[in-house]
Amino acid sequence: MVKRRISLKDIGQELGVSISTVSRGLKNHPDISKELTAKIKALAEVYKYSPNPMAMGLLKQRAKMIGVIIPDLVTHFFSSVISGIEEVAEANGYFVIVSSSNESCRKEREIFRI
């Protein structure tokens, strides 16, 4: 059974506040009282809340994702290249999505389209 991710909405409903209040509380916004901020952060910790990078990307219209298409996953060369890409991407706040085309032009076009 897959466990559902906790959301700002879930935290807000439990505390009786809006999603934006929860978001501001997690960011220590001065308009949110210290008491409420503490409650929000405590509940977020209990539920192990972490922001969803995909949702944040959609919200900000900036996904911070890099797609890499390689001909195959078996070659040591490509695994080394992917490791380097991931290291630099992660250091700069990006996520890497890797897909293998199995040396098929048709599949590369389809992956690129997606």
PDB file of N, CA and C in Angstrom:
ATOM      1  N   MET A   1       0.836  -1.185   0.000  1.00  0.00           N
ATOM      2  CA  MET A   1       0.000   0.000   0.000  1.00  0.00           C
ATOM      3  C   MET A   1       0.885   1.255   0.000  1.00  0.00           C
ATOM      4  N   VAL A   2       0.641   2.165  -0.923  1.00  0.00           N
ATOM      5  CA  VAL A   2       1.408   3.396  -1.034  1.00  0.00           C
ATOM      6  C   VAL A   2       0.824   4.432  -0.090  1.00  0.00           C
ATOM      7  N   LYS A   3       1.695   5.029   0.681  1.00  0.00           N
ATOM      8  CA  LYS A   3       1.259   6.034   1.642  1.00  0.00           C
ATOM      9  C   LYS A   3       1.147   7.389   0.944  1.00  0.00           C
ATOM     10  N   ARG A   4       0.053   8.092   1.163  1.00  0.00           N
ATOM     11  CA  ARG A   4      -0.174   9.399   0.554  1.00  0.00           C
ATOM     12  C   ARG A   4       0.705  10.451   1.229  1.00  0.00           C
ATOM     13  N   ARG A   5       1.250  11.342   0.413  1.00  0.00           N
ATOM     14  CA  ARG A   5       2.055  12.437   0.944  1.00  0.00           C
ATOM     15  C   ARG A   5       1.164  13.421   1.692  1.00  0.00           C
ATOM     16  N   ILE A   6       1.669  13.924   2.789  1.00  0.00           N
ATOM     17  CA  ILE A   6       0.958  14.952   3.545  1.00  0.00           C
ATOM     18  C   ILE A   6       1.068  16.274   2.778  1.00  0.00           C
ATOM     19  N   SER A   7       0.044  17.065   2.781  1.00  0.00           N
ATOM     20  CA  SER A   7       0.064  18.335   2.049  1.00  0.00           C
ATOM     21  C   SER A   7      -0.142  19.508   3.002  1.00  0.00           C
ATOM     22  N   LEU A   8       0.091  20.701   2.481  1.00  0.00           N
ATOM     23  CA  LEU A   8      -0.178  21.913   3.260  1.00  0.00           C
ATOM     24  C   LEU A   8      -1.657  21.973   3.640  1.00  0.00           C
ATOM     25  N   LYS A   9      -2.498  21.503   2.733  1.00  0.00           N
ATOM     26  CA  LYS A   9      -3.945  21.498   2.993  1.00  0.00           C
ATOM     27  C   LYS A   9      -4.267  20.619   4.200  1.00  0.00           C
ATOM     28  N   ASP A  10      -3.635  19.439   4.287  1.00  0.00           N
ATOM     29  CA  ASP A  10      -3.872  18.532   5.421  1.00  0.00           C
ATOM     30  C   ASP A  10      -3.477  19.188   6.744  1.00  0.00           C
ATOM     31  N   ILE A  11      -2.319  19.827   6.748  1.00  0.00           N
ATOM     32  CA  ILE A  11      -1.849  20.504   7.966  1.00  0.00           C
ATOM     33  C   ILE A  11      -2.795  21.642   8.323  1.00  0.00           C
ATOM     34  N   GLY A  12      -3.197  22.422   7.316  1.00  0.00           N
ATOM     35  CA  GLY A  12      -4.118  23.536   7.537  1.00  0.00           C
ATOM     36  C   GLY A  12      -5.459  23.089   8.087  1.00  0.00           C
ATOM     37  N   GLN A  13      -5.993  21.995   7.536  1.00  0.00           N
ATOM     38  CA  GLN A  13      -7.278  21.490   8.024  1.00  0.00           C
ATOM     39  C   GLN A  13      -7.183  21.059   9.475  1.00  0.00           C
ATOM     40  N   GLU A  14      -6.098  20.405   9.829  1.00  0.00           N
ATOM     41  CA  GLU A  14      -5.955  19.945  11.215  1.00  0.00           C
ATOM     42  C   GLU A  14      -5.830  21.108  12.188  1.00  0.00           C
ATOM     43  N   LEU A  15      -5.200  22.196  11.743  1.00  0.00           N
ATOM     44  CA  LEU A  15      -5.017  23.357  12.627  1.00  0.00           C
ATOM     45  C   LEU A  15      -6.118  24.405  12.454  1.00  0.00           C
ATOM     46  N   GLY A  16      -6.986  24.223  11.456  1.00  0.00           N
ATOM     47  CA  GLY A  16      -8.059  25.187  11.220  1.00  0.00           C
ATOM     48  C   GLY A  16      -7.584  26.486  10.603  1.00  0.00           C
ATOM     49  N   VAL A  17      -6.556  26.401   9.763  1.00  0.00           N
ATOM     50  CA  VAL A  17      -6.027  27.589   9.084  1.00  0.00           C
ATOM     51  C   VAL A  17      -5.927  27.308   7.588  1.00  0.00           C
ATOM     52  N   SER A  18      -5.665  28.344   6.820  1.00  0.00           N
ATOM     53  CA  SER A  18      -5.588  28.201   5.364  1.00  0.00           C
ATOM     54  C   SER A  18      -4.239  27.620   4.918  1.00  0.00           C
ATOM     55  N   ILE A  19      -4.210  27.185   3.670  1.00  0.00           N
ATOM     56  CA  ILE A  19      -2.982  26.662   3.078  1.00  0.00           C
ATOM     57  C   ILE A  19      -1.898  27.742   3.073  1.00  0.00           C
ATOM     58  N   SER A  20      -2.284  28.966   2.726  1.00  0.00           N
ATOM     59  CA  SER A  20      -1.294  30.051   2.676  1.00  0.00           C
ATOM     60  C   SER A  20      -0.736  30.358   4.069  1.00  0.00           C
ATOM     61  N   THR A  21      -1.556  30.223   5.098  1.00  0.00           N
ATOM     62  CA  THR A  21      -1.059  30.430   6.469  1.00  0.00           C
ATOM     63  C   THR A  21      -0.030  29.362   6.824  1.00  0.00           C
ATOM     64  N   VAL A  22      -0.308  28.118   6.448  1.00  0.00           N
ATOM     65  CA  VAL A  22       0.644  27.031   6.707  1.00  0.00           C
ATOM     66  C   VAL A  22       1.948  27.311   5.966  1.00  0.00           C
ATOM     67  N   SER A  23       1.839  27.684   4.706  1.00  0.00           N
ATOM     68  CA  SER A  23       3.026  27.969   3.904  1.00  0.00           C
ATOM     69  C   SER A  23       3.846  29.096   4.520  1.00  0.00           C
ATOM     70  N   ARG A  24       3.181  30.157   4.914  1.00  0.00           N
ATOM     71  CA  ARG A  24       3.883  31.292   5.540  1.00  0.00           C
ATOM     72  C   ARG A  24       4.498  30.898   6.879  1.00  0.00           C
ATOM     73  N   GLY A  25       3.788  30.081   7.643  1.00  0.00           N
ATOM     74  CA  GLY A  25       4.322  29.632   8.926  1.00  0.00           C
ATOM     75  C   GLY A  25       5.591  28.815   8.755  1.00  0.00           C
ATOM     76  N   LEU A  26       5.621  27.959   7.746  1.00  0.00           N
ATOM     77  CA  LEU A  26       6.817  27.147   7.495  1.00  0.00           C
ATOM     78  C   LEU A  26       8.005  28.000   7.052  1.00  0.00           C
ATOM     79  N   LYS A  27       7.697  29.199   6.533  1.00  0.00           N
ATOM     80  CA  LYS A  27       8.756  30.105   6.070  1.00  0.00           C
ATOM     81  C   LYS A  27       9.046  31.224   7.081  1.00  0.00           C
ATOM     82  N   ASN A  28       8.504  31.087   8.291  1.00  0.00           N
ATOM     83  CA  ASN A  28       8.707  32.094   9.354  1.00  0.00           C
ATOM     84  C   ASN A  28       8.266  33.497   8.947  1.00  0.00           C
ATOM     85  N   HIS A  29       7.168  33.604   8.240  1.00  0.00           N
ATOM     86  CA  HIS A  29       6.669  34.907   7.804  1.00  0.00           C
ATOM     87  C   HIS A  29       6.275  35.726   9.026  1.00  0.00           C
ATOM     88  N   PRO A  30       6.615  37.020   9.055  1.00  0.00           N
ATOM     89  CA  PRO A  30       6.322  37.851  10.225  1.00  0.00           C
ATOM     90  C   PRO A  30       4.841  38.065  10.508  1.00  0.00           C
ATOM     91  N   ASP A  31       3.972  37.861   9.528  1.00  0.00           N
ATOM     92  CA  ASP A  31       2.533  38.037   9.747  1.00  0.00           C
ATOM     93  C   ASP A  31       1.910  36.874  10.521  1.00  0.00           C
ATOM     94  N   ILE A  32       2.642  35.780  10.678  1.00  0.00           N
ATOM     95  CA  ILE A  32       2.138  34.607  11.395  1.00  0.00           C
ATOM     96  C   ILE A  32       2.758  34.612  12.795  1.00  0.00           C
ATOM     97  N   SER A  33       1.913  34.453  13.803  1.00  0.00           N
ATOM     98  CA  SER A  33       2.413  34.502  15.183  1.00  0.00           C
ATOM     99  C   SER A  33       3.430  33.386  15.431  1.00  0.00           C
ATOM    100  N   LYS A  34       4.295  33.628  16.394  1.00  0.00           N
ATOM    101  CA  LYS A  34       5.317  32.629  16.737  1.00  0.00           C
ATOM    102  C   LYS A  34       4.680  31.351  17.270  1.00  0.00           C
ATOM    103  N   GLU A  35       3.579  31.502  17.979  1.00  0.00           N
ATOM    104  CA  GLU A  35       2.880  30.341  18.528  1.00  0.00           C
ATOM    105  C   GLU A  35       2.316  29.462  17.405  1.00  0.00           C
ATOM    106  N   LEU A  36       1.650  30.112  16.433  1.00  0.00           N
ATOM    107  CA  LEU A  36       1.073  29.364  15.321  1.00  0.00           C
ATOM    108  C   LEU A  36       2.183  28.758  14.447  1.00  0.00           C
ATOM    109  N   THR A  37       3.234  29.512  14.226  1.00  0.00           N
ATOM    110  CA  THR A  37       4.375  28.998  13.457  1.00  0.00           C
ATOM    111  C   THR A  37       4.927  27.745  14.116  1.00  0.00           C
ATOM    112  N   ALA A  38       5.053  27.761  15.424  1.00  0.00           N
ATOM    113  CA  ALA A  38       5.567  26.596  16.158  1.00  0.00           C
ATOM    114  C   ALA A  38       4.637  25.397  15.999  1.00  0.00           C
ATOM    115  N   LYS A  39       3.317  25.632  16.074  1.00  0.00           N
ATOM    116  CA  LYS A  39       2.344  24.544  15.904  1.00  0.00           C
ATOM    117  C   LYS A  39       2.431  23.954  14.494  1.00  0.00           C
ATOM    118  N   ILE A  40       2.527  24.842  13.504  1.00  0.00           N
ATOM    119  CA  ILE A  40       2.616  24.398  12.104  1.00  0.00           C
ATOM    120  C   ILE A  40       3.867  23.547  11.903  1.00  0.00           C
ATOM    121  N   LYS A  41       4.994  24.040  12.387  1.00  0.00           N
ATOM    122  CA  LYS A  41       6.253  23.307  12.209  1.00  0.00           C
ATOM    123  C   LYS A  41       6.249  21.982  12.968  1.00  0.00           C
ATOM    124  N   ALA A  42       5.654  21.972  14.143  1.00  0.00           N
ATOM    125  CA  ALA A  42       5.593  20.736  14.932  1.00  0.00           C
ATOM    126  C   ALA A  42       4.749  19.689  14.205  1.00  0.00           C
ATOM    127  N   LEU A  43       3.600  20.102  13.681  1.00  0.00           N
ATOM    128  CA  LEU A  43       2.737  19.172  12.965  1.00  0.00           C
ATOM    129  C   LEU A  43       3.402  18.692  11.670  1.00  0.00           C
ATOM    130  N   ALA A  44       4.079  19.606  10.982  1.00  0.00           N
ATOM    131  CA  ALA A  44       4.795  19.229   9.754  1.00  0.00           C
ATOM    132  C   ALA A  44       5.878  18.193  10.069  1.00  0.00           C
ATOM    133  N   GLU A  45       6.516  18.344  11.205  1.00  0.00           N
ATOM    134  CA  GLU A  45       7.557  17.381  11.596  1.00  0.00           C
ATOM    135  C   GLU A  45       6.945  16.031  11.972  1.00  0.00           C
ATOM    136  N   VAL A  46       5.848  16.051  12.692  1.00  0.00           N
ATOM    137  CA  VAL A  46       5.169  14.811  13.073  1.00  0.00           C
ATOM    138  C   VAL A  46       4.791  14.011  11.828  1.00  0.00           C
ATOM    139  N   TYR A  47       4.249  14.712  10.820  1.00  0.00           N
ATOM    140  CA  TYR A  47       3.817  14.053   9.587  1.00  0.00           C
ATOM    141  C   TYR A  47       4.944  13.887   8.567  1.00  0.00           C
ATOM    142  N   LYS A  48       6.144  14.357   8.923  1.00  0.00           N
ATOM    143  CA  LYS A  48       7.300  14.297   8.013  1.00  0.00           C
ATOM    144  C   LYS A  48       6.992  14.992   6.684  1.00  0.00           C
ATOM    145  N   TYR A  49       6.397  16.180   6.785  1.00  0.00           N
ATOM    146  CA  TYR A  49       6.057  16.953   5.597  1.00  0.00           C
ATOM    147  C   TYR A  49       7.331  17.409   4.893  1.00  0.00           C
ATOM    148  N   SER A  50       7.324  17.306   3.575  1.00  0.00           N
ATOM    149  CA  SER A  50       8.366  17.919   2.751  1.00  0.00           C
ATOM    150  C   SER A  50       7.689  18.423   1.484  1.00  0.00           C
ATOM    151  N   PRO A  51       8.140  19.559   0.981  1.00  0.00           N
ATOM    152  CA  PRO A  51       7.513  20.121  -0.212  1.00  0.00           C
ATOM    153  C   PRO A  51       7.640  19.166  -1.400  1.00  0.00           C
ATOM    154  N   ASN A  52       6.631  19.157  -2.239  1.00  0.00           N
ATOM    155  CA  ASN A  52       6.638  18.344  -3.446  1.00  0.00           C
ATOM    156  C   ASN A  52       7.308  19.145  -4.559  1.00  0.00           C
ATOM    157  N   PRO A  53       8.503  18.720  -5.016  1.00  0.00           N
ATOM    158  CA  PRO A  53       9.215  19.503  -6.028  1.00  0.00           C
ATOM    159  C   PRO A  53       8.448  19.657  -7.339  1.00  0.00           C
ATOM    160  N   MET A  54       7.665  18.644  -7.712  1.00  0.00           N
ATOM    161  CA  MET A  54       6.885  18.743  -8.945  1.00  0.00           C
ATOM    162  C   MET A  54       5.803  19.819  -8.801  1.00  0.00           C
ATOM    163  N   ALA A  55       5.123  19.826  -7.670  1.00  0.00           N
ATOM    164  CA  ALA A  55       4.079  20.828  -7.434  1.00  0.00           C
ATOM    165  C   ALA A  55       4.681  22.227  -7.378  1.00  0.00           C
ATOM    166  N   MET A  56       5.827  22.354  -6.742  1.00  0.00           N
ATOM    167  CA  MET A  56       6.490  23.657  -6.655  1.00  0.00           C
ATOM    168  C   MET A  56       6.884  24.148  -8.049  1.00  0.00           C
ATOM    169  N   GLY A  57       7.360  23.235  -8.879  1.00  0.00           N
ATOM    170  CA  GLY A  57       7.729  23.593 -10.238  1.00  0.00           C
ATOM    171  C   GLY A  57       6.546  24.087 -11.039  1.00  0.00           C
ATOM    172  N   LEU A  58       5.414  23.415 -10.885  1.00  0.00           N
ATOM    173  CA  LEU A  58       4.201  23.843 -11.581  1.00  0.00           C
ATOM    174  C   LEU A  58       3.741  25.208 -11.082  1.00  0.00           C
ATOM    175  N   LEU A  59       3.798  25.396  -9.776  1.00  0.00           N
ATOM    176  CA  LEU A  59       3.369  26.652  -9.172  1.00  0.00           C
ATOM    177  C   LEU A  59       4.233  27.816  -9.650  1.00  0.00           C
ATOM    178  N   LYS A  60       5.538  27.599  -9.667  1.00  0.00           N
ATOM    179  CA  LYS A  60       6.471  28.662 -10.049  1.00  0.00           C
ATOM    180  C   LYS A  60       6.740  28.706 -11.545  1.00  0.00           C
ATOM    181  N   GLN A  61       6.144  27.776 -12.286  1.00  0.00           N
ATOM    182  CA  GLN A  61       6.365  27.635 -13.719  1.00  0.00           C
ATOM    183  C   GLN A  61       7.852  27.510 -14.037  1.00  0.00           C
ATOM    184  N   ARG A  62       8.530  26.765 -13.169  1.00  0.00           N
ATOM    185  CA  ARG A  62       9.963  26.518 -13.340  1.00  0.00           C
ATOM    186  C   ARG A  62      10.261  25.196 -12.652  1.00  0.00           C
ATOM    187  N   ALA A  63      10.334  24.120 -13.430  1.00  0.00           N
ATOM    188  CA  ALA A  63      10.404  22.784 -12.860  1.00  0.00           C
ATOM    189  C   ALA A  63      11.763  22.406 -12.280  1.00  0.00           C
ATOM    190  N   LYS A  64      12.836  23.036 -12.715  1.00  0.00           N
ATOM    191  CA  LYS A  64      14.187  22.710 -12.257  1.00  0.00           C
ATOM    192  C   LYS A  64      14.474  21.218 -12.429  1.00  0.00           C
ATOM    193  N   MET A  65      14.126  20.728 -13.607  1.00  0.00           N
ATOM    194  CA  MET A  65      14.385  19.332 -13.942  1.00  0.00           C
ATOM    195  C   MET A  65      15.165  19.262 -15.235  1.00  0.00           C
ATOM    196  N   ILE A  66      16.037  18.287 -15.304  1.00  0.00           N
ATOM    197  CA  ILE A  66      16.831  18.051 -16.501  1.00  0.00           C
ATOM    198  C   ILE A  66      16.523  16.640 -16.970  1.00  0.00           C
ATOM    199  N   GLY A  67      16.132  16.518 -18.215  1.00  0.00           N
ATOM    200  CA  GLY A  67      15.872  15.207 -18.798  1.00  0.00           C
ATOM    201  C   GLY A  67      17.076  14.748 -19.592  1.00  0.00           C
ATOM    202  N   VAL A  68      17.485  13.503 -19.379  1.00  0.00           N
ATOM    203  CA  VAL A  68      18.622  12.929 -20.092  1.00  0.00           C
ATOM    204  C   VAL A  68      18.155  11.658 -20.782  1.00  0.00           C
ATOM    205  N   ILE A  69      18.370  11.592 -22.100  1.00  0.00           N
ATOM    206  CA  ILE A  69      18.042  10.394 -22.862  1.00  0.00           C
ATOM    207  C   ILE A  69      19.356   9.754 -23.287  1.00  0.00           C
ATOM    208  N   ILE A  70      19.523   8.491 -22.914  1.00  0.00           N
ATOM    209  CA  ILE A  70      20.748   7.774 -23.285  1.00  0.00           C
ATOM    210  C   ILE A  70      20.376   6.545 -24.111  1.00  0.00           C
ATOM    211  N   PRO A  71      21.313   6.076 -24.947  1.00  0.00           N
ATOM    212  CA  PRO A  71      20.989   4.923 -25.785  1.00  0.00           C
ATOM    213  C   PRO A  71      20.841   3.625 -25.002  1.00  0.00           C
ATOM    214  N   ASP A  72      21.604   3.452 -23.927  1.00  0.00           N
ATOM    215  CA  ASP A  72      21.447   2.251 -23.096  1.00  0.00           C
ATOM    216  C   ASP A  72      22.010   2.506 -21.704  1.00  0.00           C
ATOM    217  N   LEU A  73      21.519   1.729 -20.752  1.00  0.00           N
ATOM    218  CA  LEU A  73      21.949   1.886 -19.354  1.00  0.00           C
ATOM    219  C   LEU A  73      23.106   0.971 -18.984  1.00  0.00           C
ATOM    220  N   VAL A  74      23.457   0.048 -19.860  1.00  0.00           N
ATOM    221  CA  VAL A  74      24.441  -0.977 -19.537  1.00  0.00           C
ATOM    222  C   VAL A  74      25.875  -0.446 -19.597  1.00  0.00           C
ATOM    223  N   THR A  75      26.150   0.472 -20.510  1.00  0.00           N
ATOM    224  CA  THR A  75      27.505   0.961 -20.736  1.00  0.00           C
ATOM    225  C   THR A  75      28.016   1.764 -19.541  1.00  0.00           C
ATOM    226  N   HIS A  76      29.225   1.447 -19.110  1.00  0.00           N
ATOM    227  CA  HIS A  76      29.848   2.159 -17.974  1.00  0.00           C
ATOM    228  C   HIS A  76      29.990   3.647 -18.283  1.00  0.00           C
ATOM    229  N   PHE A  77      30.277   3.972 -19.535  1.00  0.00           N
ATOM    230  CA  PHE A  77      30.444   5.369 -19.922  1.00  0.00           C
ATOM    231  C   PHE A  77      29.204   6.182 -19.571  1.00  0.00           C
ATOM    232  N   PHE A  78      28.027   5.703 -19.951  1.00  0.00           N
ATOM    233  CA  PHE A  78      26.799   6.462 -19.717  1.00  0.00           C
ATOM    234  C   PHE A  78      26.458   6.552 -18.234  1.00  0.00           C
ATOM    235  N   SER A  79      26.745   5.499 -17.477  1.00  0.00           N
ATOM    236  CA  SER A  79      26.483   5.582 -16.038  1.00  0.00           C
ATOM    237  C   SER A  79      27.390   6.620 -15.388  1.00  0.00           C
ATOM    238  N   SER A  80      28.621   6.746 -15.869  1.00  0.00           N
ATOM    239  CA  SER A  80      29.535   7.773 -15.347  1.00  0.00           C
ATOM    240  C   SER A  80      29.049   9.171 -15.717  1.00  0.00           C
ATOM    241  N   VAL A  81      28.579   9.331 -16.944  1.00  0.00           N
ATOM    242  CA  VAL A  81      28.069  10.627 -17.394  1.00  0.00           C
ATOM    243  C   VAL A  81      26.857  11.032 -16.559  1.00  0.00           C
ATOM    244  N   ILE A  82      25.947  10.095 -16.343  1.00  0.00           N
ATOM    245  CA  ILE A  82      24.748  10.380 -15.549  1.00  0.00           C
ATOM    246  C   ILE A  82      25.126  10.774 -14.125  1.00  0.00           C
ATOM    247  N   SER A  83      26.082  10.066 -13.536  1.00  0.00           N
ATOM    248  CA  SER A  83      26.529  10.408 -12.178  1.00  0.00           C
ATOM    249  C   SER A  83      27.046  11.837 -12.123  1.00  0.00           C
ATOM    250  N   GLY A  84      27.826  12.242 -13.121  1.00  0.00           N
ATOM    251  CA  GLY A  84      28.338  13.613 -13.162  1.00  0.00           C
ATOM    252  C   GLY A  84      27.234  14.634 -13.325  1.00  0.00           C
ATOM    253  N   ILE A  85      26.297  14.340 -14.204  1.00  0.00           N
ATOM    254  CA  ILE A  85      25.160  15.250 -14.413  1.00  0.00           C
ATOM    255  C   ILE A  85      24.369  15.401 -13.120  1.00  0.00           C
ATOM    256  N   GLU A  86      24.081  14.278 -12.459  1.00  0.00           N
ATOM    257  CA  GLU A  86      23.310  14.331 -11.212  1.00  0.00           C
ATOM    258  C   GLU A  86      24.040  15.113 -10.128  1.00  0.00           C
ATOM    259  N   GLU A  87      25.332  14.946 -10.028  1.00  0.00           N
ATOM    260  CA  GLU A  87      26.111  15.647  -8.994  1.00  0.00           C
ATOM    261  C   GLU A  87      26.023  17.163  -9.176  1.00  0.00           C
ATOM    262  N   VAL A  88      26.237  17.625 -10.402  1.00  0.00           N
ATOM    263  CA  VAL A  88      26.183  19.069 -10.672  1.00  0.00           C
ATOM    264  C   VAL A  88      24.752  19.584 -10.549  1.00  0.00           C
ATOM    265  N   ALA A  89      23.791  18.832 -11.061  1.00  0.00           N
ATOM    266  CA  ALA A  89      22.389  19.248 -10.993  1.00  0.00           C
ATOM    267  C   ALA A  89      21.939  19.388  -9.544  1.00  0.00           C
ATOM    268  N   GLU A  90      22.230  18.381  -8.724  1.00  0.00           N
ATOM    269  CA  GLU A  90      21.822  18.413  -7.323  1.00  0.00           C
ATOM    270  C   GLU A  90      22.447  19.590  -6.585  1.00  0.00           C
ATOM    271  N   ALA A  91      23.702  19.879  -6.874  1.00  0.00           N
ATOM    272  CA  ALA A  91      24.387  21.006  -6.226  1.00  0.00           C
ATOM    273  C   ALA A  91      23.723  22.338  -6.573  1.00  0.00           C
ATOM    274  N   ASN A  92      22.993  22.357  -7.689  1.00  0.00           N
ATOM    275  CA  ASN A  92      22.332  23.584  -8.131  1.00  0.00           C
ATOM    276  C   ASN A  92      20.819  23.535  -7.980  1.00  0.00           C
ATOM    277  N   GLY A  93      20.308  22.555  -7.213  1.00  0.00           N
ATOM    278  CA  GLY A  93      18.887  22.482  -6.915  1.00  0.00           C
ATOM    279  C   GLY A  93      18.026  21.887  -8.025  1.00  0.00           C
ATOM    280  N   TYR A  94      18.632  21.119  -8.912  1.00  0.00           N
ATOM    281  CA  TYR A  94      17.883  20.494 -10.002  1.00  0.00           C
ATOM    282  C   TYR A  94      17.709  19.004  -9.757  1.00  0.00           C
ATOM    283  N   PHE A  95      16.696  18.431 -10.409  1.00  0.00           N
ATOM    284  CA  PHE A  95      16.455  16.998 -10.393  1.00  0.00           C
ATOM    285  C   PHE A  95      16.734  16.473 -11.795  1.00  0.00           C
ATOM    286  N   VAL A  96      17.188  15.233 -11.872  1.00  0.00           N
ATOM    287  CA  VAL A  96      17.493  14.630 -13.163  1.00  0.00           C
ATOM    288  C   VAL A  96      16.560  13.452 -13.405  1.00  0.00           C
ATOM    289  N   ILE A  97      15.982  13.427 -14.596  1.00  0.00           N
ATOM    290  CA  ILE A  97      15.158  12.300 -15.020  1.00  0.00           C
ATOM    291  C   ILE A  97      15.901  11.631 -16.164  1.00  0.00           C
ATOM    292  N   VAL A  98      16.174  10.343 -16.016  1.00  0.00           N
ATOM    293  CA  VAL A  98      16.933   9.594 -17.014  1.00  0.00           C
ATOM    294  C   VAL A  98      16.021   8.590 -17.691  1.00  0.00           C
ATOM    295  N   SER A  99      16.165   8.508 -19.011  1.00  0.00           N
ATOM    296  CA  SER A  99      15.394   7.528 -19.768  1.00  0.00           C
ATOM    297  C   SER A  99      16.309   6.894 -20.805  1.00  0.00           C
ATOM    298  N   SER A 100      16.102   5.621 -21.052  1.00  0.00           N
ATOM    299  CA  SER A 100      16.894   4.895 -22.038  1.00  0.00           C
ATOM    300  C   SER A 100      16.069   4.679 -23.297  1.00  0.00           C
ATOM    301  N   SER A 101      16.695   4.957 -24.444  1.00  0.00           N
ATOM    302  CA  SER A 101      15.992   4.791 -25.722  1.00  0.00           C
ATOM    303  C   SER A 101      16.241   3.433 -26.358  1.00  0.00           C
ATOM    304  N   ASN A 102      17.144   2.659 -25.786  1.00  0.00           N
ATOM    305  CA  ASN A 102      17.525   1.364 -26.372  1.00  0.00           C
ATOM    306  C   ASN A 102      17.919   1.509 -27.842  1.00  0.00           C
ATOM    307  N   GLU A 103      18.588   2.635 -28.140  1.00  0.00           N
ATOM    308  CA  GLU A 103      19.100   2.948 -29.478  1.00  0.00           C
ATOM    309  C   GLU A 103      18.004   3.021 -30.543  1.00  0.00           C
ATOM    310  N   SER A 104      16.811   3.422 -30.143  1.00  0.00           N
ATOM    311  CA  SER A 104      15.688   3.541 -31.070  1.00  0.00           C
ATOM    312  C   SER A 104      15.343   5.015 -31.282  1.00  0.00           C
ATOM    313  N   CYS A 105      15.452   5.467 -32.530  1.00  0.00           N
ATOM    314  CA  CYS A 105      15.105   6.860 -32.852  1.00  0.00           C
ATOM    315  C   CYS A 105      13.639   7.145 -32.533  1.00  0.00           C
ATOM    316  N   ARG A 106      12.767   6.189 -32.831  1.00  0.00           N
ATOM    317  CA  ARG A 106      11.340   6.355 -32.556  1.00  0.00           C
ATOM    318  C   ARG A 106      11.116   6.566 -31.064  1.00  0.00           C
ATOM    319  N   LYS A 107      11.788   5.740 -30.246  1.00  0.00           N
ATOM    320  CA  LYS A 107      11.614   5.854 -28.801  1.00  0.00           C
ATOM    321  C   LYS A 107      12.204   7.171 -28.286  1.00  0.00           C
ATOM    322  N   GLU A 108      13.333   7.615 -28.835  1.00  0.00           N
ATOM    323  CA  GLU A 108      13.922   8.902 -28.434  1.00  0.00           C
ATOM    324  C   GLU A 108      12.954  10.050 -28.703  1.00  0.00           C
ATOM    325  N   ARG A 109      12.317  10.035 -29.889  1.00  0.00           N
ATOM    326  CA  ARG A 109      11.339  11.082 -30.215  1.00  0.00           C
ATOM    327  C   ARG A 109      10.166  11.060 -29.240  1.00  0.00           C
ATOM    328  N   GLU A 110       9.698   9.857 -28.900  1.00  0.00           N
ATOM    329  CA  GLU A 110       8.570   9.712 -27.978  1.00  0.00           C
ATOM    330  C   GLU A 110       8.948  10.209 -26.573  1.00  0.00           C
ATOM    331  N   ILE A 111      10.130   9.839 -26.113  1.00  0.00           N
ATOM    332  CA  ILE A 111      10.594  10.300 -24.795  1.00  0.00           C
ATOM    333  C   ILE A 111      10.702  11.818 -24.788  1.00  0.00           C
ATOM    334  N   PHE A 112      11.270  12.374 -25.851  1.00  0.00           N
ATOM    335  CA  PHE A 112      11.431  13.820 -25.941  1.00  0.00           C
ATOM    336  C   PHE A 112      10.074  14.521 -25.929  1.00  0.00           C
ATOM    337  N   ARG A 113       9.115  13.958 -26.653  1.00  0.00           N
ATOM    338  CA  ARG A 113       7.761  14.528 -26.692  1.00  0.00           C
ATOM    339  C   ARG A 113       7.140  14.545 -25.306  1.00  0.00           C
ATOM    340  N   ILE A 114       7.317  13.462 -24.573  1.00  0.00           N
ATOM    341  CA  ILE A 114       6.752  13.354 -23.221  1.00  0.00           C
ATOM    342  C   ILE A 114       7.405  14.368 -22.303  1.00  0.00           C
TER     343      ILE A 114
END
